[in-house]
Each structure stands twice: as C-alpha cells, then as structure tokens.
Amino acid sequence: MKVVRSWPMKLVLVLAVVVNNPVLVGAQQEAPSKNIGDQPENTDTTATTAQNMPTNQAPAVDVPTPGYPIDAQIHPALRAIPWMGTTSPLRWGSFYVGDFSIDQIRDNFRPAGGLASENLNLSIFHTSINFDKTFAKQELVLQYSPQLAVLNGHVASNAGVNNNLMFGTTFQFSPRLSMKLENDLVQVDSRALFPPDILGVDQKTGNLVQNAFLANDGKFFADKVDAVINYQLSPRNLLTVSPGFRYAQDVNHDHLNNPNYLANGDTIGVDVALTHALTSRQNLGVLYKLQVLRATNVPGVSNSVYTYFKTYHLFYANQLSRTWWLRSEIGMENVDYQGFAPNTTEIGVGFGLLRTFTNSVFGISYNRGAMGQNINFITGRIGDRADAYYELQLTRRLKWSNGGGFYRETGAPPRTSGDYGSTKVKYSVLTSVTLVGGYTHIFQDSNTLQLLSGTRDTFDFGLTWAPAGIPRR
C-alpha cells in the first residue's frame, strides 16, 4: 500500500517542478500545444525520398506525405506517429521518461455460455522509459512501456505486469540506400484491461495503425524482428525489401497455475515492393508478401507441416490535399495448407482514408488478408478487419473521440470474430497534463482457447502527463 500511495505524490512533485521552472515552461510553450500525434512526420523535399531514413535537416513545411506499401519508419509502441524527440524535463542524457499515467478501471466481463460474470476495480500505473541517440548517419531508439495493475494494494493476480519493449535503429548508407531494423516485444499477463486508441491515427501524415482489441484467455507473448531496406533505383522508383520473423506463444493456466493449454507459432516472411512516384503526392506500386507459419495447437493448422500465405497486390496512395490522405491496395491472397486442408484463394483488399478538418478528424481503415503479424493470437486463416475513428475538438481544452470496428475470420465456421465501440473525453489541464475518461464495449466469439468468448464493458478515468513531441524530420 505504501508503494501505491507514493505514486500520486511523485506525480504531484513532477508537476510542481514542470510548472514552477520557467525554463521548462518556456520550452513547452514554444512547442505546439497539440498532442504528439499532431506533429509532422517527414521533411524531405521530394516524394521519392520521403520513405528514406531520418536526417539532421531542419523540418520543412507542408511537405507531401503519400503512403508507401511498406513502412520504413520507427514508431512508438501502438502508435501511428513516427518516433520523435521530446520536451520532457525528466531527461538524463539520452534517457528520458516520455509519459506517465494513473487510471482507475471498472471492468465487467460476462463470459459466453451463461458462466458467472467478473467485476474488477483496479488502479493501473503506466509509464514509458526511452533512449534516443542520433549519430551522423544512424539513429538508435529504445522504448520500454510497463503497465502495472494494483487491486487493494496488491498486484492483481489476473492483471499483473504487462510490458511493451521496442528497439529500433536506422542507417543511411548512401543517398540511395537506407535500412531500418526494429524489434517489438509484447508480454501480456492477461487480458488488457483497457485498450489504447484501437485505431491509431497520425493527423500530419495520414498514417493509420490497427491495434489488437480481442482479449487473450491467459498469458500472451510475442517477439517480432524485421528489417526494411530501401534502395532508390531512380528519382521516381523505389525498391523496398523487408524480411521478418515473429514468434508468438499463448498459455492458459488452471486455478493451480498449471498450464492446461499451450499454443505457439513462428512466422518467417519477406515483403517486396516497387513504388513509382506519379507526382509528389501520388505513389503507385506492386507488392508481394510471403509468410510461412509453423504452429502447434492452433485450429485449422497442422502441427507437422508449414502453412504458406502469399499476397499479390497493386498499391495506390494519394495525398489529395494538405488535410486528406487516401491509401489503397487490391490483389489476391493465397493460403497453401500443404495438404492438411483445402487451399484457398481470395481477394485481398487494403483501404485507408484520413480527413482532418478545422476542429475534427475522421479516419477509416479496412484490411482483408493474412494478419498473422498484426494480431495478438495465432491463426491460419484470412481475416477481415475494419475500424473507424472520429475526433471533435469541442473547446480549446476539451476533446471528444469515438471509435468502432470489427474483426472476423473468413471460411467455414467455427470462426473467431469480435467487434467494439468506444468513446473518450480528454480535458487539457496544463500543456502536458490531461484528464481522461472513457468507455469501451467489446464482444468476441472465439474458436480457439487462446481468446476469451464473451462481452466486456470497461470504464476508465485517469490523469496523464505527456510532454509534447519534437518533430525529428
């Protein structure tokens, strides 16, 4: 209980330092008062180099940022925005605390099948500890984002500690050749008690990220490593190659904490894209993806043979105006089960639209295809995923956002599916301090023991300290 009570006092001390130090307050006032997601992503002066790695050049204004088939930028965990600098006063050389939040959660879960419901009242503490170092032609970043749930002064047995660890580095070998290396590790002791923005939005570049929202029935662990290599073939043509590997494991324990179900899978793959810049605001390209899955105890997938996912897509992106982005792709999705099940070939689609207005933002994202790299469970099926987001700036300090979407697997039943709806209100108390309140409703129906089946209603209220970000490029 002493540890729990010390956190509010520490936060008060931090706020007192920030407010009373004129140097820090002045630095924060010079930075934009918008959220970190409202910062520009790219400052390169040609469309063909916008996908290249960061440099130390000063930011440009209103540079077109059309989309690319393969993302070659480093992003904070679960965010659509690019990695940025910080105005955090809690900085020691290249290390700094990026944000801190305290949330009170009321979570109600009603399992399918008429089982007894579960109610939880928890306090959740979250922070991010970062390392950021820029060399002449290289940038090195590290982000550790722990989350601790406390119930009645004790670490909650069914929440515990959830962690995200992200490591990334970029290299600019020459004006034409660049590379990004990134490792993302996720450790979830149980279901996430409340999600972040399920559809991540970057209001300056039009980037959209679909985060996982289905709840695990047990502990989930995933580690993904990938590289993105960009080579500028000509002023208008860019070749991108991205090899990657992901390992995932889901463990379900009984009441004695003995594992009664274990699913694991590893995926190795490579993405190849050729992008042609039609104009400074339009990109056209072709995309090929190959993913090879080896899994154990996963419905619809053999324990002894590999499953192959192949994607053949055409890609088109257009920044229609300074506040309007469109990204789309279409093609074929092929799944080869190596004789374990009939092979499938379906139409694959990707679509994203983001529009910003004077006081509001609207975004929509839809994807149909292999999603093994972007979800929090292991599956051998093609999936449909759609999300919508709307944000309204009611006053200078008050912001209201809403979201909704669904996920479902294709093919014959039983199939995993789920949908959600959420609403959130943010009130800016100070430049870096925000009061947040929200409600999320999630329904999910699972055909695997990796996920829960039932309905969740979650209310959360909290206080967030998050200094503004500084555009790095």
Foldseek 3Di string as FASTA:
>chain_A
DVVVVVVVVVVVVQVVCCVPPVVLVVVLVVDDLDAQLADAAAADQFLLCRQFDFAQDDHDPLQAFWDDPDRQADPDPPAQGGDFAFSAPQDDVQKGKFKKKKKWKWKWWDFPPRDDIDTDTKIKIKTKIKGWDDDRFKIKMKIKIKMFIDGPNHGDPQFGIKIKIKIKMKGPPDSFKIKIKMKIKTKTQWFDRDDDPQWHARQQNQGIAHAADFTFQGIKIKMKIKMWMWGRPDSFKIKIKMWMKMKMKFFHADPVRHTPDIKIKMKTKMKIKMWGDPGSFKIKIKIKIKIKMAMDQAPPADNPDIKIKIWTKIWMKGPPDSFKIKIKIKDKIWIDRPPPDDIDIDIWMWIKIWGDDPFKIKIKIWTWYDCQPRYRDHHRFIKIKIKIKMKGRPDPFKIKIKMKIKMWTDDDDPIKIKIKIKIKMWGDPDSFKIKIKMKMKMAIDHPHNRGTHTIMIMIMIMMMGGRHGHHSD
